[in-house]
Amino acid sequence: YFESDAHDKDDKAILLLQEAVLLHPAFEDAYEALGVILNRHHRVDEAIHYMQILASLNPDCIMAHTNLSVFYVAKGMIAEAEEEKAKAAVLQMRQTRDARRAEELAAEERERIRREALERIGMFKEVLEIDPEDPLATYGMGMAHMQLSEYAEAIPYLEQATRLQKDYSVAFLNLGKCLEFSGEREHAIAAYRLGIEAAGRKGDLMPLREMERRLRALEITLA
């Protein structure tokens, strides 16, 4: 028996990748892989050809411009190589800036949610001082604490919400989650079971399915 060497494997890979881009002309990963393999075997002109296609398909592809810079250096085309290197650097900076802005926006959104949850807690607290069994305020208080990841604080309100509205399946679902996140898995199982019964009575399919899924996962971990 003869073992195929790396060159044979690359030849097969090249054929498969060429077939792939013929069948799927927008298959970006295939163009990049083709360029890299062809360049490795000193087929630089072909490598440049496929990488140029990739750059035209996706002008924001950093690797297309980075690889073109490497390939142009191999051809002695220094000016072209520097141009592609500059394009890659600009794209890298832009992506870094965009990623940083996305993080800032996410942080702003988290802060907005936190402020709104605190405002709701203050509002619901006033309502509950007047009527401790107000179902809307009781559930709302639990959900506001849950939004703040204050699961221990949310639990008594959600428990009260399920007592006040025995068929409120979503309250059972969120109570189960808070118990689960607090490490009280046995109590979470009990909440999900009651919630599944409530959802079944009312035909609330979405909370029913989620509670069934979470219940199964908990039962497996405790088995």
C-alpha atoms as a PDB file:
ATOM      1  CA  TYR A   1       0.000   0.000   0.000  1.00  0.00           C
ATOM      2  CA  PHE A   2       1.155   3.524  -0.772  1.00  0.00           C
ATOM      3  CA  GLU A   3       0.421   6.434   1.539  1.00  0.00           C
ATOM      4  CA  SER A   4      -0.645   9.607  -0.208  1.00  0.00           C
ATOM      5  CA  ASP A   5       1.671  12.484   0.626  1.00  0.00           C
ATOM      6  CA  ALA A   6       0.633  16.014   1.566  1.00  0.00           C
ATOM      7  CA  HIS A   7       0.938  17.136  -2.055  1.00  0.00           C
ATOM      8  CA  ASP A   8      -1.551  14.478  -3.182  1.00  0.00           C
ATOM      9  CA  LYS A   9      -3.971  15.531  -0.451  1.00  0.00           C
ATOM     10  CA  ASP A  10      -3.626  19.174  -1.455  1.00  0.00           C
ATOM     11  CA  ASP A  11      -4.260  18.295  -5.104  1.00  0.00           C
ATOM     12  CA  LYS A  12      -7.471  16.561  -4.102  1.00  0.00           C
ATOM     13  CA  ALA A  13      -8.431  19.497  -1.906  1.00  0.00           C
ATOM     14  CA  ILE A  14      -7.824  21.934  -4.760  1.00  0.00           C
ATOM     15  CA  LEU A  15     -10.085  19.941  -7.081  1.00  0.00           C
ATOM     16  CA  LEU A  16     -12.814  19.732  -4.450  1.00  0.00           C
ATOM     17  CA  LEU A  17     -12.592  23.435  -3.658  1.00  0.00           C
ATOM     18  CA  GLN A  18     -12.628  24.397  -7.338  1.00  0.00           C
ATOM     19  CA  GLU A  19     -15.734  22.282  -7.762  1.00  0.00           C
ATOM     20  CA  ALA A  20     -17.238  23.913  -4.687  1.00  0.00           C
ATOM     21  CA  VAL A  21     -16.852  27.456  -6.035  1.00  0.00           C
ATOM     22  CA  LEU A  22     -18.276  26.380  -9.390  1.00  0.00           C
ATOM     23  CA  LEU A  23     -21.363  25.006  -7.670  1.00  0.00           C
ATOM     24  CA  HIS A  24     -21.533  27.818  -5.094  1.00  0.00           C
ATOM     25  CA  PRO A  25     -19.906  30.965  -6.544  1.00  0.00           C
ATOM     26  CA  ALA A  26     -20.450  32.904  -3.295  1.00  0.00           C
ATOM     27  CA  PHE A  27     -18.687  30.321  -1.065  1.00  0.00           C
ATOM     28  CA  GLU A  28     -16.162  32.678   0.549  1.00  0.00           C
ATOM     29  CA  ASP A  29     -14.335  30.128   2.707  1.00  0.00           C
ATOM     30  CA  ALA A  30     -13.611  27.994  -0.355  1.00  0.00           C
ATOM     31  CA  TYR A  31     -11.920  30.888  -2.171  1.00  0.00           C
ATOM     32  CA  GLU A  32      -9.748  31.645   0.844  1.00  0.00           C
ATOM     33  CA  ALA A  33      -8.728  27.997   1.267  1.00  0.00           C
ATOM     34  CA  LEU A  34      -7.978  27.695  -2.453  1.00  0.00           C
ATOM     35  CA  GLY A  35      -5.747  30.736  -2.393  1.00  0.00           C
ATOM     36  CA  VAL A  36      -3.778  29.526   0.621  1.00  0.00           C
ATOM     37  CA  ILE A  37      -3.240  26.011  -0.761  1.00  0.00           C
ATOM     38  CA  LEU A  38      -2.307  27.220  -4.247  1.00  0.00           C
ATOM     39  CA  ASN A  39       0.188  29.706  -2.816  1.00  0.00           C
ATOM     40  CA  ARG A  40       1.714  26.932  -0.705  1.00  0.00           C
ATOM     41  CA  HIS A  41       2.474  25.081  -3.940  1.00  0.00           C
ATOM     42  CA  HIS A  42       3.885  28.217  -5.598  1.00  0.00           C
ATOM     43  CA  ARG A  43       0.863  28.576  -7.900  1.00  0.00           C
ATOM     44  CA  VAL A  44       0.775  32.227  -6.956  1.00  0.00           C
ATOM     45  CA  ASP A  45      -1.052  33.589 -10.010  1.00  0.00           C
ATOM     46  CA  GLU A  46      -3.932  31.193  -9.406  1.00  0.00           C
ATOM     47  CA  ALA A  47      -3.891  32.038  -5.710  1.00  0.00           C
ATOM     48  CA  ILE A  48      -4.146  35.737  -6.538  1.00  0.00           C
ATOM     49  CA  HIS A  49      -7.012  35.044  -8.957  1.00  0.00           C
ATOM     50  CA  TYR A  50      -9.152  33.316  -6.343  1.00  0.00           C
ATOM     51  CA  MET A  51      -8.300  35.827  -3.629  1.00  0.00           C
ATOM     52  CA  GLN A  52      -9.278  38.694  -5.932  1.00  0.00           C
ATOM     53  CA  ILE A  53     -12.645  37.003  -6.460  1.00  0.00           C
ATOM     54  CA  LEU A  54     -13.056  36.767  -2.695  1.00  0.00           C
ATOM     55  CA  ALA A  55     -12.159  40.453  -2.297  1.00  0.00           C
ATOM     56  CA  SER A  56     -14.741  41.392  -4.936  1.00  0.00           C
ATOM     57  CA  LEU A  57     -17.384  39.201  -3.272  1.00  0.00           C
ATOM     58  CA  ASN A  58     -16.678  40.676   0.147  1.00  0.00           C
ATOM     59  CA  PRO A  59     -14.637  43.887   0.084  1.00  0.00           C
ATOM     60  CA  ASP A  60     -14.648  43.898   3.899  1.00  0.00           C
ATOM     61  CA  CYS A  61     -12.940  40.501   4.167  1.00  0.00           C
ATOM     62  CA  ILE A  62      -9.701  41.220   6.029  1.00  0.00           C
ATOM     63  CA  MET A  63      -8.123  37.872   5.128  1.00  0.00           C
ATOM     64  CA  ALA A  64      -8.672  38.454   1.409  1.00  0.00           C
ATOM     65  CA  HIS A  65      -6.566  41.628   1.504  1.00  0.00           C
ATOM     66  CA  THR A  66      -4.030  40.160   3.939  1.00  0.00           C
ATOM     67  CA  ASN A  67      -3.491  37.120   1.715  1.00  0.00           C
ATOM     68  CA  LEU A  68      -3.310  39.238  -1.423  1.00  0.00           C
ATOM     69  CA  SER A  69      -0.567  41.278   0.240  1.00  0.00           C
ATOM     70  CA  VAL A  70       1.408  38.083   0.945  1.00  0.00           C
ATOM     71  CA  PHE A  71       0.861  36.759  -2.570  1.00  0.00           C
ATOM     72  CA  TYR A  72       1.910  40.042  -4.193  1.00  0.00           C
ATOM     73  CA  VAL A  73       5.124  40.026  -2.145  1.00  0.00           C
ATOM     74  CA  ALA A  74       5.819  36.537  -3.507  1.00  0.00           C
ATOM     75  CA  LYS A  75       5.444  37.984  -7.016  1.00  0.00           C
ATOM     76  CA  GLY A  76       7.652  40.959  -6.214  1.00  0.00           C
ATOM     77  CA  MET A  77       4.680  43.333  -6.628  1.00  0.00           C
ATOM     78  CA  ILE A  78       5.597  45.461  -3.623  1.00  0.00           C
ATOM     79  CA  ALA A  79       3.359  48.470  -4.352  1.00  0.00           C
ATOM     80  CA  GLU A  80       0.307  46.238  -4.757  1.00  0.00           C
ATOM     81  CA  ALA A  81       1.268  44.320  -1.617  1.00  0.00           C
ATOM     82  CA  GLU A  82       1.503  47.531   0.424  1.00  0.00           C
ATOM     83  CA  GLU A  83      -1.877  48.696  -0.886  1.00  0.00           C
ATOM     84  CA  GLU A  84      -3.574  45.444   0.145  1.00  0.00           C
ATOM     85  CA  LYS A  85      -1.818  45.520   3.514  1.00  0.00           C
ATOM     86  CA  ALA A  86      -3.147  49.046   4.074  1.00  0.00           C
ATOM     87  CA  LYS A  87      -6.687  47.944   3.152  1.00  0.00           C
ATOM     88  CA  ALA A  88      -6.479  45.080   5.627  1.00  0.00           C
ATOM     89  CA  ALA A  89      -5.241  47.440   8.357  1.00  0.00           C
ATOM     90  CA  VAL A  90      -8.088  49.897   7.734  1.00  0.00           C
ATOM     91  CA  LEU A  91     -10.653  47.087   7.847  1.00  0.00           C
ATOM     92  CA  GLN A  92      -9.138  45.746  11.054  1.00  0.00           C
ATOM     93  CA  MET A  93      -9.366  49.169  12.690  1.00  0.00           C
ATOM     94  CA  ARG A  94     -12.941  49.612  11.466  1.00  0.00           C
ATOM     95  CA  GLN A  95     -13.993  46.216  12.795  1.00  0.00           C
ATOM     96  CA  THR A  96     -12.316  46.935  16.128  1.00  0.00           C
ATOM     97  CA  ARG A  97     -14.102  50.285  16.311  1.00  0.00           C
ATOM     98  CA  ASP A  98     -17.439  48.698  15.345  1.00  0.00           C
ATOM     99  CA  ALA A  99     -16.967  45.957  17.939  1.00  0.00           C
ATOM    100  CA  ARG A 100     -16.155  48.559  20.593  1.00  0.00           C
ATOM    101  CA  ARG A 101     -19.240  50.571  19.622  1.00  0.00           C
ATOM    102  CA  ALA A 102     -21.373  47.425  19.768  1.00  0.00           C
ATOM    103  CA  GLU A 103     -20.074  46.770  23.292  1.00  0.00           C
ATOM    104  CA  GLU A 104     -20.876  50.358  24.272  1.00  0.00           C
ATOM    105  CA  LEU A 105     -24.414  50.057  22.883  1.00  0.00           C
ATOM    106  CA  ALA A 106     -24.914  46.761  24.719  1.00  0.00           C
ATOM    107  CA  ALA A 107     -23.719  48.383  27.957  1.00  0.00           C
ATOM    108  CA  GLU A 108     -26.077  51.325  27.396  1.00  0.00           C
ATOM    109  CA  GLU A 109     -28.970  48.921  26.808  1.00  0.00           C
ATOM    110  CA  ARG A 110     -28.149  46.973  29.979  1.00  0.00           C
ATOM    111  CA  GLU A 111     -28.081  50.223  31.950  1.00  0.00           C
ATOM    112  CA  ARG A 112     -31.423  51.305  30.450  1.00  0.00           C
ATOM    113  CA  ILE A 113     -32.998  47.969  31.420  1.00  0.00           C
ATOM    114  CA  ARG A 114     -31.531  48.270  34.931  1.00  0.00           C
ATOM    115  CA  ARG A 115     -32.898  51.798  35.417  1.00  0.00           C
ATOM    116  CA  GLU A 116     -36.348  50.821  34.143  1.00  0.00           C
ATOM    117  CA  ALA A 117     -36.421  47.756  36.417  1.00  0.00           C
ATOM    118  CA  LEU A 118     -35.523  49.908  39.441  1.00  0.00           C
ATOM    119  CA  GLU A 119     -38.250  52.398  38.509  1.00  0.00           C
ATOM    120  CA  ARG A 120     -40.793  49.577  38.259  1.00  0.00           C
ATOM    121  CA  ILE A 121     -39.704  48.202  41.645  1.00  0.00           C
ATOM    122  CA  GLY A 122     -40.378  51.611  43.201  1.00  0.00           C
ATOM    123  CA  MET A 123     -43.763  51.860  41.509  1.00  0.00           C
ATOM    124  CA  PHE A 124     -44.865  48.312  42.393  1.00  0.00           C
ATOM    125  CA  LYS A 125     -43.665  48.781  45.976  1.00  0.00           C
ATOM    126  CA  GLU A 126     -46.064  51.709  46.385  1.00  0.00           C
ATOM    127  CA  VAL A 127     -48.945  49.640  44.963  1.00  0.00           C
ATOM    128  CA  LEU A 128     -48.188  46.682  47.251  1.00  0.00           C
ATOM    129  CA  GLU A 129     -48.114  48.942  50.307  1.00  0.00           C
ATOM    130  CA  ILE A 130     -51.755  49.769  49.521  1.00  0.00           C
ATOM    131  CA  ASP A 131     -52.777  46.264  48.385  1.00  0.00           C
ATOM    132  CA  PRO A 132     -50.293  43.470  49.238  1.00  0.00           C
ATOM    133  CA  GLU A 133     -52.252  41.037  47.056  1.00  0.00           C
ATOM    134  CA  ASP A 134     -52.400  43.084  43.875  1.00  0.00           C
ATOM    135  CA  PRO A 135     -51.628  40.370  41.269  1.00  0.00           C
ATOM    136  CA  LEU A 136     -50.150  42.688  38.637  1.00  0.00           C
ATOM    137  CA  ALA A 137     -47.829  44.448  41.078  1.00  0.00           C
ATOM    138  CA  THR A 138     -46.813  41.162  42.725  1.00  0.00           C
ATOM    139  CA  TYR A 139     -45.820  39.553  39.429  1.00  0.00           C
ATOM    140  CA  GLY A 140     -44.285  42.800  38.145  1.00  0.00           C
ATOM    141  CA  MET A 141     -42.117  43.107  41.259  1.00  0.00           C
ATOM    142  CA  GLY A 142     -40.862  39.561  40.788  1.00  0.00           C
ATOM    143  CA  MET A 143     -40.067  40.140  37.115  1.00  0.00           C
ATOM    144  CA  ALA A 144     -38.259  43.423  37.839  1.00  0.00           C
ATOM    145  CA  HIS A 145     -36.001  41.672  40.354  1.00  0.00           C
ATOM    146  CA  MET A 146     -35.491  38.845  37.861  1.00  0.00           C
ATOM    147  CA  GLN A 147     -34.381  41.358  35.197  1.00  0.00           C
ATOM    148  CA  LEU A 148     -31.761  42.589  37.662  1.00  0.00           C
ATOM    149  CA  SER A 149     -30.629  38.973  38.207  1.00  0.00           C
ATOM    150  CA  GLU A 150     -31.814  39.309  41.809  1.00  0.00           C
ATOM    151  CA  TYR A 151     -33.312  35.843  41.782  1.00  0.00           C
ATOM    152  CA  ALA A 152     -33.574  35.355  45.561  1.00  0.00           C
ATOM    153  CA  GLU A 153     -35.516  38.621  45.836  1.00  0.00           C
ATOM    154  CA  ALA A 154     -37.776  37.664  42.917  1.00  0.00           C
ATOM    155  CA  ILE A 155     -38.765  34.242  44.298  1.00  0.00           C
ATOM    156  CA  PRO A 156     -41.210  35.318  47.072  1.00  0.00           C
ATOM    157  CA  TYR A 157     -43.057  37.662  44.710  1.00  0.00           C
ATOM    158  CA  LEU A 158     -43.366  35.031  41.990  1.00  0.00           C
ATOM    159  CA  GLU A 159     -44.480  32.451  44.551  1.00  0.00           C
ATOM    160  CA  GLN A 160     -47.158  34.891  45.683  1.00  0.00           C
ATOM    161  CA  ALA A 161     -48.141  35.509  42.044  1.00  0.00           C
ATOM    162  CA  THR A 162     -48.717  31.772  41.516  1.00  0.00           C
ATOM    163  CA  ARG A 163     -50.841  31.632  44.677  1.00  0.00           C
ATOM    164  CA  LEU A 164     -52.928  34.617  43.591  1.00  0.00           C
ATOM    165  CA  GLN A 165     -53.385  33.295  40.032  1.00  0.00           C
ATOM    166  CA  LYS A 166     -53.171  29.518  40.116  1.00  0.00           C
ATOM    167  CA  ASP A 167     -53.386  29.159  36.324  1.00  0.00           C
ATOM    168  CA  TYR A 168     -50.762  31.826  35.552  1.00  0.00           C
ATOM    169  CA  SER A 169     -48.378  29.474  33.747  1.00  0.00           C
ATOM    170  CA  VAL A 170     -45.807  32.158  32.864  1.00  0.00           C
ATOM    171  CA  ALA A 171     -45.456  32.997  36.567  1.00  0.00           C
ATOM    172  CA  PHE A 172     -44.700  29.332  37.289  1.00  0.00           C
ATOM    173  CA  LEU A 173     -42.155  29.304  34.449  1.00  0.00           C
ATOM    174  CA  ASN A 174     -40.299  32.352  35.768  1.00  0.00           C
ATOM    175  CA  LEU A 175     -40.529  31.114  39.355  1.00  0.00           C
ATOM    176  CA  GLY A 176     -38.950  27.845  38.232  1.00  0.00           C
ATOM    177  CA  LYS A 177     -36.164  29.729  36.449  1.00  0.00           C
ATOM    178  CA  CYS A 178     -35.386  31.863  39.506  1.00  0.00           C
ATOM    179  CA  LEU A 179     -35.295  28.786  41.725  1.00  0.00           C
ATOM    180  CA  GLU A 180     -33.100  27.019  39.169  1.00  0.00           C
ATOM    181  CA  PHE A 181     -30.695  29.980  38.898  1.00  0.00           C
ATOM    182  CA  SER A 182     -30.539  30.139  42.712  1.00  0.00           C
ATOM    183  CA  GLY A 183     -29.469  26.488  42.892  1.00  0.00           C
ATOM    184  CA  GLU A 184     -32.783  25.305  44.355  1.00  0.00           C
ATOM    185  CA  ARG A 185     -33.262  22.588  41.772  1.00  0.00           C
ATOM    186  CA  GLU A 186     -35.734  20.421  43.694  1.00  0.00           C
ATOM    187  CA  HIS A 187     -37.987  23.430  44.294  1.00  0.00           C
ATOM    188  CA  ALA A 188     -37.604  24.407  40.632  1.00  0.00           C
ATOM    189  CA  ILE A 189     -38.790  20.932  39.612  1.00  0.00           C
ATOM    190  CA  ALA A 190     -41.847  21.310  41.844  1.00  0.00           C
ATOM    191  CA  ALA A 191     -42.615  24.732  40.336  1.00  0.00           C
ATOM    192  CA  TYR A 192     -42.296  23.426  36.782  1.00  0.00           C
ATOM    193  CA  ARG A 193     -44.589  20.480  37.529  1.00  0.00           C
ATOM    194  CA  LEU A 194     -47.278  22.767  38.918  1.00  0.00           C
ATOM    195  CA  GLY A 195     -46.755  25.132  36.004  1.00  0.00           C
ATOM    196  CA  ILE A 196     -47.115  22.324  33.466  1.00  0.00           C
ATOM    197  CA  GLU A 197     -50.453  21.400  35.039  1.00  0.00           C
ATOM    198  CA  ALA A 198     -51.585  25.041  34.914  1.00  0.00           C
ATOM    199  CA  ALA A 199     -50.436  25.482  31.311  1.00  0.00           C
ATOM    200  CA  GLY A 200     -52.187  22.249  30.348  1.00  0.00           C
ATOM    201  CA  ARG A 201     -55.466  23.471  31.824  1.00  0.00           C
ATOM    202  CA  LYS A 202     -55.267  26.768  29.939  1.00  0.00           C
ATOM    203  CA  GLY A 203     -53.669  25.473  26.747  1.00  0.00           C
ATOM    204  CA  ASP A 204     -50.616  27.748  27.095  1.00  0.00           C
ATOM    205  CA  LEU A 205     -48.376  25.834  24.718  1.00  0.00           C
ATOM    206  CA  MET A 206     -45.233  27.989  24.694  1.00  0.00           C
ATOM    207  CA  PRO A 207     -44.658  28.102  28.480  1.00  0.00           C
ATOM    208  CA  LEU A 208     -45.772  24.470  28.673  1.00  0.00           C
ATOM    209  CA  ARG A 209     -43.083  23.331  26.240  1.00  0.00           C
ATOM    210  CA  GLU A 210     -40.346  25.389  27.876  1.00  0.00           C
ATOM    211  CA  MET A 211     -41.232  24.082  31.336  1.00  0.00           C
ATOM    212  CA  GLU A 212     -41.278  20.498  30.046  1.00  0.00           C
ATOM    213  CA  ARG A 213     -37.842  21.006  28.479  1.00  0.00           C
ATOM    214  CA  ARG A 214     -36.354  22.574  31.607  1.00  0.00           C
ATOM    215  CA  LEU A 215     -37.968  19.938  33.832  1.00  0.00           C
ATOM    216  CA  ARG A 216     -36.452  17.109  31.769  1.00  0.00           C
ATOM    217  CA  ALA A 217     -33.007  18.714  31.945  1.00  0.00           C
ATOM    218  CA  LEU A 218     -33.232  19.100  35.734  1.00  0.00           C
ATOM    219  CA  GLU A 219     -34.473  15.564  36.261  1.00  0.00           C
ATOM    220  CA  ILE A 220     -31.529  14.245  34.228  1.00  0.00           C
ATOM    221  CA  THR A 221     -29.009  16.210  36.322  1.00  0.00           C
ATOM    222  CA  LEU A 222     -30.567  14.950  39.554  1.00  0.00           C
ATOM    223  CA  ALA A 223     -30.939  11.330  38.404  1.00  0.00           C
END
